Amino acid sequence: MSDKSFVLHTQARRHDWSGEGWLSIKTFFGGQARYDSGGGLFAVDDQCYLLLNHGQPYTITVAALAPVESFCLFFAPGLAEEVQRSLRTHTESLLDDPTPPLVPPLTCFDRTYPHDTALSPALFALRSALRVGPRETAWLDEQLRQVMTALLHAQQNVLAEVARLPAARPATRAELYRRLHRTRDYARASLDQPLTLDDLARAACLSPTHLLRAFKQVFHQTPYQYLTELRLTRACHLLTHTSLSVTEISLAVGFESLGSFSWLFHQRLGRSPQAYRAQRQNGDFGEADEGKARYNRSISSAAETERKEGTG
């Protein structure tokens, strides 16, 4: 491994690797990669990016029918700390001592993040530029420092989220944040499994009752409601973009039976899975999308009601 930051940009149907890496941002397009790291399980696709810390052991697996594009950024040791110092230190001090002192490696919250307006535009712009052709090392170094600046700003938003958690000590709030988001990542990476509250609690290293109370307090929905939202969203995607049968889709998104899947789908989206697929195939997006919109509004309304009632 070089001592310079670098980008790994390639495509593959299958890929398996285990080891330790630098502080890195993982993104994938046209498919999914699964990471196992530090007891956490992560699924990375077009909708999110994964952040892993320096020296963190992990295993990556890609297994797909079509090539999956990986776009992963690796930051050389010391770069994050140097950029952070430039953002936090007064200009006079930077002029007097331009060489950064030795400090412990910067640690971020390792989890998946939905693509956002803070960091993702910088990632997408760099990806587009590199797809045109190879660039010089000096140009790439500048771009990666700009991405790191955006990453540090995004992590400031995360720290603000942590500060709002219901715990007295900062260390307790940070640990609770990690464990609750580990639960969400585990659920997202295990949609094909019939997960229980006990399964999610084990992933979070919390008791089931503590997880249920804290998850609802922080995210304004229960773990089951979150799982249901993920499963139905994934089911809509599979109904629209694949030829899998409704039975196969119900199993692929973790429902215990076709009956429970069909009943819940109709209850939340106002039509059966078969009718939803037919409308999408016939180009009748209006009614199908209205069902999805109504479902999304019901989730938002429930969360807002909990906030107003003080249950969140």
Protein backbone atom coordinates (compact mmCIF):
# COMPACT_ATOMS: atom_id res chain seq x y z
CA MET A 1 0.00 0.00 0.00
CA SER A 2 1.33 3.44 -0.93
CA ASP A 3 1.66 6.23 1.62
CA LYS A 4 -0.61 8.39 -0.54
CA SER A 5 -4.40 8.58 -0.42
CA PHE A 6 -5.99 6.77 -3.33
CA VAL A 7 -9.26 5.80 -4.99
CA LEU A 8 -10.32 2.25 -5.81
CA HIS A 9 -12.69 2.49 -8.77
CA THR A 10 -13.57 -0.77 -10.51
CA GLN A 11 -16.35 -3.20 -11.42
CA ALA A 12 -16.83 -6.85 -10.51
CA ARG A 13 -19.53 -9.48 -10.17
CA ARG A 14 -17.72 -11.24 -7.34
CA HIS A 15 -15.20 -9.97 -4.84
CA ASP A 16 -14.09 -11.20 -1.41
CA TRP A 17 -11.42 -9.60 0.76
CA SER A 18 -10.50 -9.46 4.44
CA GLY A 19 -7.99 -7.25 6.22
CA GLU A 20 -7.44 -3.81 7.69
CA GLY A 21 -7.57 -0.50 5.86
CA TRP A 22 -7.19 3.23 6.20
CA LEU A 23 -9.99 5.65 7.01
CA SER A 24 -12.24 5.15 4.00
CA ILE A 25 -15.54 5.95 2.33
CA LYS A 26 -17.21 3.04 0.52
CA THR A 27 -19.79 3.60 -2.23
CA PHE A 28 -21.29 1.13 -4.71
CA PHE A 29 -23.54 1.52 -7.72
CA GLY A 30 -25.66 -0.97 -9.67
CA GLY A 31 -25.63 -3.54 -6.90
CA GLN A 32 -24.72 -4.18 -3.29
CA ALA A 33 -21.62 -4.94 -1.25
CA ARG A 34 -21.78 -6.45 2.22
CA TYR A 35 -19.28 -5.56 4.94
CA ASP A 36 -18.67 -7.33 8.23
CA SER A 37 -16.65 -5.12 10.56
CA GLY A 38 -16.22 -4.90 14.30
CA GLY A 39 -19.26 -7.04 14.94
CA GLY A 40 -21.40 -4.90 12.65
CA LEU A 41 -23.03 -5.91 9.38
CA PHE A 42 -23.45 -3.32 6.62
CA ALA A 43 -25.11 -3.33 3.18
CA VAL A 44 -23.84 -0.62 0.82
CA ASP A 45 -25.62 0.26 -2.43
CA ASP A 46 -26.71 3.26 -4.51
CA GLN A 47 -28.62 4.75 -1.59
CA CYS A 48 -25.83 5.17 0.96
CA TYR A 49 -22.13 5.29 1.75
CA LEU A 50 -20.19 3.45 4.46
CA LEU A 51 -17.54 5.08 6.63
CA LEU A 52 -14.85 2.87 8.22
CA ASN A 53 -12.09 4.06 10.52
CA HIS A 54 -8.33 3.66 10.18
CA GLY A 55 -7.03 0.25 11.21
CA GLN A 56 -10.50 -1.26 11.39
CA PRO A 57 -10.58 -4.94 10.32
CA TYR A 58 -13.33 -5.81 7.87
CA THR A 59 -14.52 -8.33 5.33
CA ILE A 60 -16.17 -7.35 2.06
CA THR A 61 -18.30 -9.60 -0.14
CA VAL A 62 -19.78 -8.81 -3.54
CA ALA A 63 -21.85 -11.51 -5.23
CA ALA A 64 -24.02 -10.31 -8.12
CA LEU A 65 -25.26 -11.42 -11.52
CA ALA A 66 -24.25 -8.12 -13.16
CA PRO A 67 -21.09 -6.08 -12.54
CA VAL A 68 -21.24 -3.84 -9.47
CA GLU A 69 -19.33 -0.55 -9.59
CA SER A 70 -17.22 0.19 -6.53
CA PHE A 71 -15.98 3.71 -5.78
CA CYS A 72 -13.99 3.67 -2.54
CA LEU A 73 -11.78 6.43 -1.17
CA PHE A 74 -8.84 5.63 1.14
CA PHE A 75 -7.26 8.46 3.12
CA ALA A 76 -3.60 8.20 4.09
CA PRO A 77 -2.82 8.26 7.82
CA GLY A 78 -2.58 11.81 9.09
CA LEU A 79 -4.59 13.44 6.29
CA ALA A 80 -7.85 13.70 8.24
CA GLU A 81 -6.04 15.14 11.25
CA GLU A 82 -4.17 17.69 9.10
CA VAL A 83 -7.39 18.83 7.38
CA GLN A 84 -9.20 19.04 10.70
CA ARG A 85 -6.40 21.17 12.17
CA SER A 86 -6.60 23.54 9.20
CA LEU A 87 -10.32 23.98 9.83
CA ARG A 88 -10.11 24.50 13.60
CA THR A 89 -6.86 26.40 14.08
CA HIS A 90 -6.47 30.17 13.79
CA THR A 91 -4.54 31.43 10.78
CA GLU A 92 -1.83 32.94 13.00
CA SER A 93 -1.11 29.55 14.56
CA LEU A 94 -1.04 27.84 11.17
CA LEU A 95 1.48 30.40 9.95
CA ASP A 96 3.67 30.02 13.03
CA ASP A 97 3.63 26.23 12.95
CA PRO A 98 2.53 24.77 9.59
CA THR A 99 3.62 21.24 10.56
CA PRO A 100 0.78 19.43 12.36
CA PRO A 101 1.71 17.85 15.70
CA LEU A 102 1.39 14.13 16.28
CA VAL A 103 -2.13 13.37 17.48
CA PRO A 104 -4.22 10.19 17.84
CA PRO A 105 -6.00 9.09 14.64
CA LEU A 106 -9.30 10.83 14.06
CA THR A 107 -12.23 8.51 14.75
CA CYS A 108 -15.57 8.87 12.97
CA PHE A 109 -18.84 7.06 13.59
CA ASP A 110 -18.59 3.89 11.51
CA ARG A 111 -22.01 3.26 9.96
CA THR A 112 -23.83 3.67 6.67
CA TYR A 113 -25.12 7.15 5.85
CA PRO A 114 -27.88 7.97 3.35
CA HIS A 115 -26.52 10.08 0.52
CA ASP A 116 -26.77 13.69 1.64
CA THR A 117 -26.11 17.28 0.61
CA ALA A 118 -23.00 17.63 2.78
CA LEU A 119 -20.66 14.93 1.45
CA SER A 120 -22.33 13.11 -1.43
CA PRO A 121 -22.07 15.92 -4.03
CA ALA A 122 -18.28 15.89 -3.60
CA LEU A 123 -18.23 12.10 -3.99
CA PHE A 124 -20.40 12.16 -7.10
CA ALA A 125 -18.37 14.94 -8.70
CA LEU A 126 -15.10 13.08 -8.14
CA ARG A 127 -16.59 9.86 -9.47
CA SER A 128 -17.80 11.63 -12.63
CA ALA A 129 -14.39 13.23 -13.19
CA LEU A 130 -12.53 9.95 -12.82
CA ARG A 131 -14.90 8.14 -15.19
CA VAL A 132 -13.70 10.45 -17.98
CA GLY A 133 -10.13 9.25 -17.62
CA PRO A 134 -7.09 9.05 -15.32
CA ARG A 135 -5.91 12.22 -13.60
CA GLU A 136 -2.58 13.39 -12.23
CA THR A 137 -1.62 12.64 -8.64
CA ALA A 138 -1.52 16.31 -7.64
CA TRP A 139 -5.05 16.88 -8.92
CA LEU A 140 -6.35 13.81 -7.05
CA ASP A 141 -4.66 14.93 -3.83
CA GLU A 142 -6.50 18.25 -4.00
CA GLN A 143 -9.82 16.55 -4.67
CA LEU A 144 -9.42 14.11 -1.78
CA ARG A 145 -8.64 16.96 0.61
CA GLN A 146 -11.85 18.67 -0.50
CA VAL A 147 -13.78 15.44 0.08
CA MET A 148 -12.20 15.13 3.53
CA THR A 149 -13.27 18.69 4.33
CA ALA A 150 -16.84 17.79 3.36
CA LEU A 151 -16.64 14.61 5.44
CA LEU A 152 -15.54 16.51 8.54
CA HIS A 153 -18.39 18.99 8.09
CA ALA A 154 -20.81 16.06 7.77
CA GLN A 155 -19.43 14.52 10.96
CA GLN A 156 -20.13 17.79 12.77
CA ASN A 157 -23.78 17.24 11.94
CA VAL A 158 -23.50 13.75 13.40
CA LEU A 159 -22.01 15.12 16.61
CA ALA A 160 -25.00 17.43 16.89
CA GLU A 161 -27.28 14.37 16.60
CA VAL A 162 -25.31 12.60 19.32
CA ALA A 163 -25.56 15.61 21.63
CA ARG A 164 -29.36 15.40 21.48
CA LEU A 165 -29.51 11.80 22.73
CA PRO A 166 -31.09 11.14 26.14
CA ALA A 167 -28.03 10.46 28.30
CA ALA A 168 -26.10 12.59 30.76
CA ARG A 169 -22.50 11.69 29.86
CA PRO A 170 -21.07 12.42 26.37
CA ALA A 171 -19.39 8.99 26.23
CA THR A 172 -22.72 7.30 26.99
CA ARG A 173 -24.49 9.29 24.28
CA ALA A 174 -21.81 8.34 21.73
CA GLU A 175 -22.00 4.65 22.63
CA LEU A 176 -25.80 4.66 22.49
CA TYR A 177 -25.63 6.31 19.05
CA ARG A 178 -23.24 3.62 17.80
CA ARG A 179 -25.36 0.76 19.09
CA LEU A 180 -28.67 2.09 17.78
CA HIS A 181 -27.23 2.73 14.33
CA ARG A 182 -25.61 -0.70 14.39
CA THR A 183 -29.14 -2.06 14.87
CA ARG A 184 -30.39 -0.18 11.83
CA ASP A 185 -27.43 -1.29 9.72
CA TYR A 186 -27.89 -4.89 10.81
CA ALA A 187 -31.58 -4.76 9.90
CA ARG A 188 -30.85 -3.21 6.50
CA ALA A 189 -28.20 -5.85 5.74
CA SER A 190 -30.45 -8.73 6.86
CA LEU A 191 -33.73 -7.96 5.12
CA ASP A 192 -33.93 -11.49 3.73
CA GLN A 193 -34.05 -12.90 7.28
CA PRO A 194 -37.16 -13.09 9.53
CA LEU A 195 -35.60 -10.88 12.20
CA THR A 196 -36.95 -10.66 15.73
CA LEU A 197 -36.48 -8.05 18.44
CA ASP A 198 -34.11 -10.45 20.18
CA ASP A 199 -31.99 -10.71 16.99
CA LEU A 200 -31.71 -6.92 16.74
CA ALA A 201 -30.97 -6.58 20.46
CA ARG A 202 -28.09 -9.06 20.17
CA ALA A 203 -26.68 -7.06 17.25
CA ALA A 204 -26.83 -3.91 19.37
CA CYS A 205 -25.57 -5.57 22.58
CA LEU A 206 -28.65 -4.21 24.37
CA SER A 207 -31.53 -5.85 26.14
CA PRO A 208 -34.68 -6.14 23.98
CA THR A 209 -36.65 -3.76 26.17
CA HIS A 210 -33.85 -1.19 26.32
CA LEU A 211 -33.48 -1.36 22.53
CA LEU A 212 -37.21 -0.93 21.99
CA ARG A 213 -37.41 2.09 24.30
CA ALA A 214 -34.24 3.81 23.06
CA PHE A 215 -34.89 3.10 19.36
CA LYS A 216 -38.38 4.60 19.55
CA GLN A 217 -37.16 7.57 21.56
CA VAL A 218 -34.39 8.41 19.07
CA PHE A 219 -35.90 7.41 15.71
CA HIS A 220 -39.62 7.95 16.51
CA GLN A 221 -40.54 4.44 15.36
CA THR A 222 -40.09 0.95 16.73
CA PRO A 223 -37.58 -1.53 15.28
CA TYR A 224 -40.49 -3.48 13.75
CA GLN A 225 -41.86 -0.34 12.10
CA TYR A 226 -38.41 0.43 10.71
CA LEU A 227 -38.06 -3.12 9.37
CA THR A 228 -41.50 -2.95 7.78
CA GLU A 229 -40.63 0.34 6.07
CA LEU A 230 -37.40 -1.16 4.68
CA ARG A 231 -39.09 -4.37 3.53
CA LEU A 232 -41.97 -2.69 1.74
CA THR A 233 -39.65 -0.20 0.04
CA ARG A 234 -37.46 -3.07 -1.13
CA ALA A 235 -40.50 -5.07 -2.22
CA CYS A 236 -41.73 -2.16 -4.36
CA HIS A 237 -38.31 -2.00 -6.03
CA LEU A 238 -38.30 -5.75 -6.75
CA LEU A 239 -41.87 -5.70 -8.06
CA THR A 240 -40.95 -2.89 -10.44
CA HIS A 241 -37.49 -3.92 -11.60
CA THR A 242 -37.39 -7.74 -11.49
CA SER A 243 -39.42 -10.69 -12.74
CA LEU A 244 -39.34 -12.49 -9.38
CA SER A 245 -42.67 -13.94 -8.33
CA VAL A 246 -44.57 -12.33 -5.47
CA THR A 247 -43.78 -15.37 -3.33
CA GLU A 248 -40.06 -15.06 -4.08
CA ILE A 249 -40.16 -11.36 -3.27
CA SER A 250 -41.94 -11.95 0.03
CA LEU A 251 -39.17 -14.35 1.06
CA ALA A 252 -36.42 -12.06 -0.28
CA VAL A 253 -37.54 -9.25 2.02
CA GLY A 254 -37.88 -11.43 5.10
CA PHE A 255 -41.62 -12.03 5.50
CA GLU A 256 -42.57 -15.29 7.18
CA SER A 257 -45.38 -16.04 4.74
CA LEU A 258 -46.89 -14.83 1.47
CA GLY A 259 -50.14 -14.15 3.29
CA SER A 260 -48.61 -11.79 5.84
CA PHE A 261 -46.67 -9.97 3.10
CA SER A 262 -49.71 -9.53 0.84
CA TRP A 263 -51.95 -8.38 3.69
CA LEU A 264 -49.46 -5.82 4.97
CA PHE A 265 -48.62 -4.59 1.46
CA HIS A 266 -52.31 -4.00 0.71
CA GLN A 267 -52.88 -2.34 4.07
CA ARG A 268 -50.02 0.12 3.65
CA LEU A 269 -50.11 0.80 -0.11
CA GLY A 270 -53.79 0.33 -0.85
CA ARG A 271 -53.44 -2.49 -3.41
CA SER A 272 -52.08 -6.00 -3.73
CA PRO A 273 -48.48 -6.67 -4.82
CA GLN A 274 -49.81 -8.08 -8.10
CA ALA A 275 -51.87 -4.95 -8.78
CA TYR A 276 -48.92 -2.69 -7.90
CA ARG A 277 -46.68 -4.57 -10.35
CA ALA A 278 -49.28 -4.46 -13.11
CA GLN A 279 -49.72 -0.70 -12.72
CA ARG A 280 -45.97 -0.11 -12.88
CA GLN A 281 -45.58 -2.36 -15.93
CA ASN A 282 -48.46 -0.61 -17.69
CA GLY A 283 -46.92 2.78 -17.04
CA ASP A 284 -49.68 3.75 -14.61
CA PHE A 285 -47.30 5.31 -12.10
CA GLY A 286 -49.79 7.79 -10.71
CA GLU A 287 -51.91 5.42 -8.64
CA ALA A 288 -49.00 3.20 -7.65
CA ASP A 289 -46.89 6.17 -6.62
CA GLU A 290 -49.81 7.64 -4.72
CA GLY A 291 -49.94 4.42 -2.70
CA LYS A 292 -46.26 4.79 -1.85
CA ALA A 293 -46.73 8.45 -1.04
CA ARG A 294 -49.69 7.66 1.22
CA TYR A 295 -47.59 5.06 3.02
CA ASN A 296 -44.72 7.53 3.46
CA ARG A 297 -47.13 10.18 4.75
CA SER A 298 -48.52 7.73 7.30
CA ILE A 299 -45.01 7.07 8.61
CA SER A 300 -44.21 10.80 8.82
CA SER A 301 -47.55 11.54 10.47
CA ALA A 302 -47.02 8.87 13.13
CA ALA A 303 -43.54 10.18 13.89
CA GLU A 304 -44.80 13.77 14.12
CA THR A 305 -47.62 12.71 16.45
CA GLU A 306 -45.11 11.03 18.75
CA ARG A 307 -42.96 14.17 18.83
CA LYS A 308 -45.93 16.38 19.71
CA GLU A 309 -47.10 13.98 22.39
CA GLY A 310 -43.63 13.87 23.88
CA THR A 311 -43.12 10.13 23.33
CA GLY A 312 -40.01 10.78 21.22
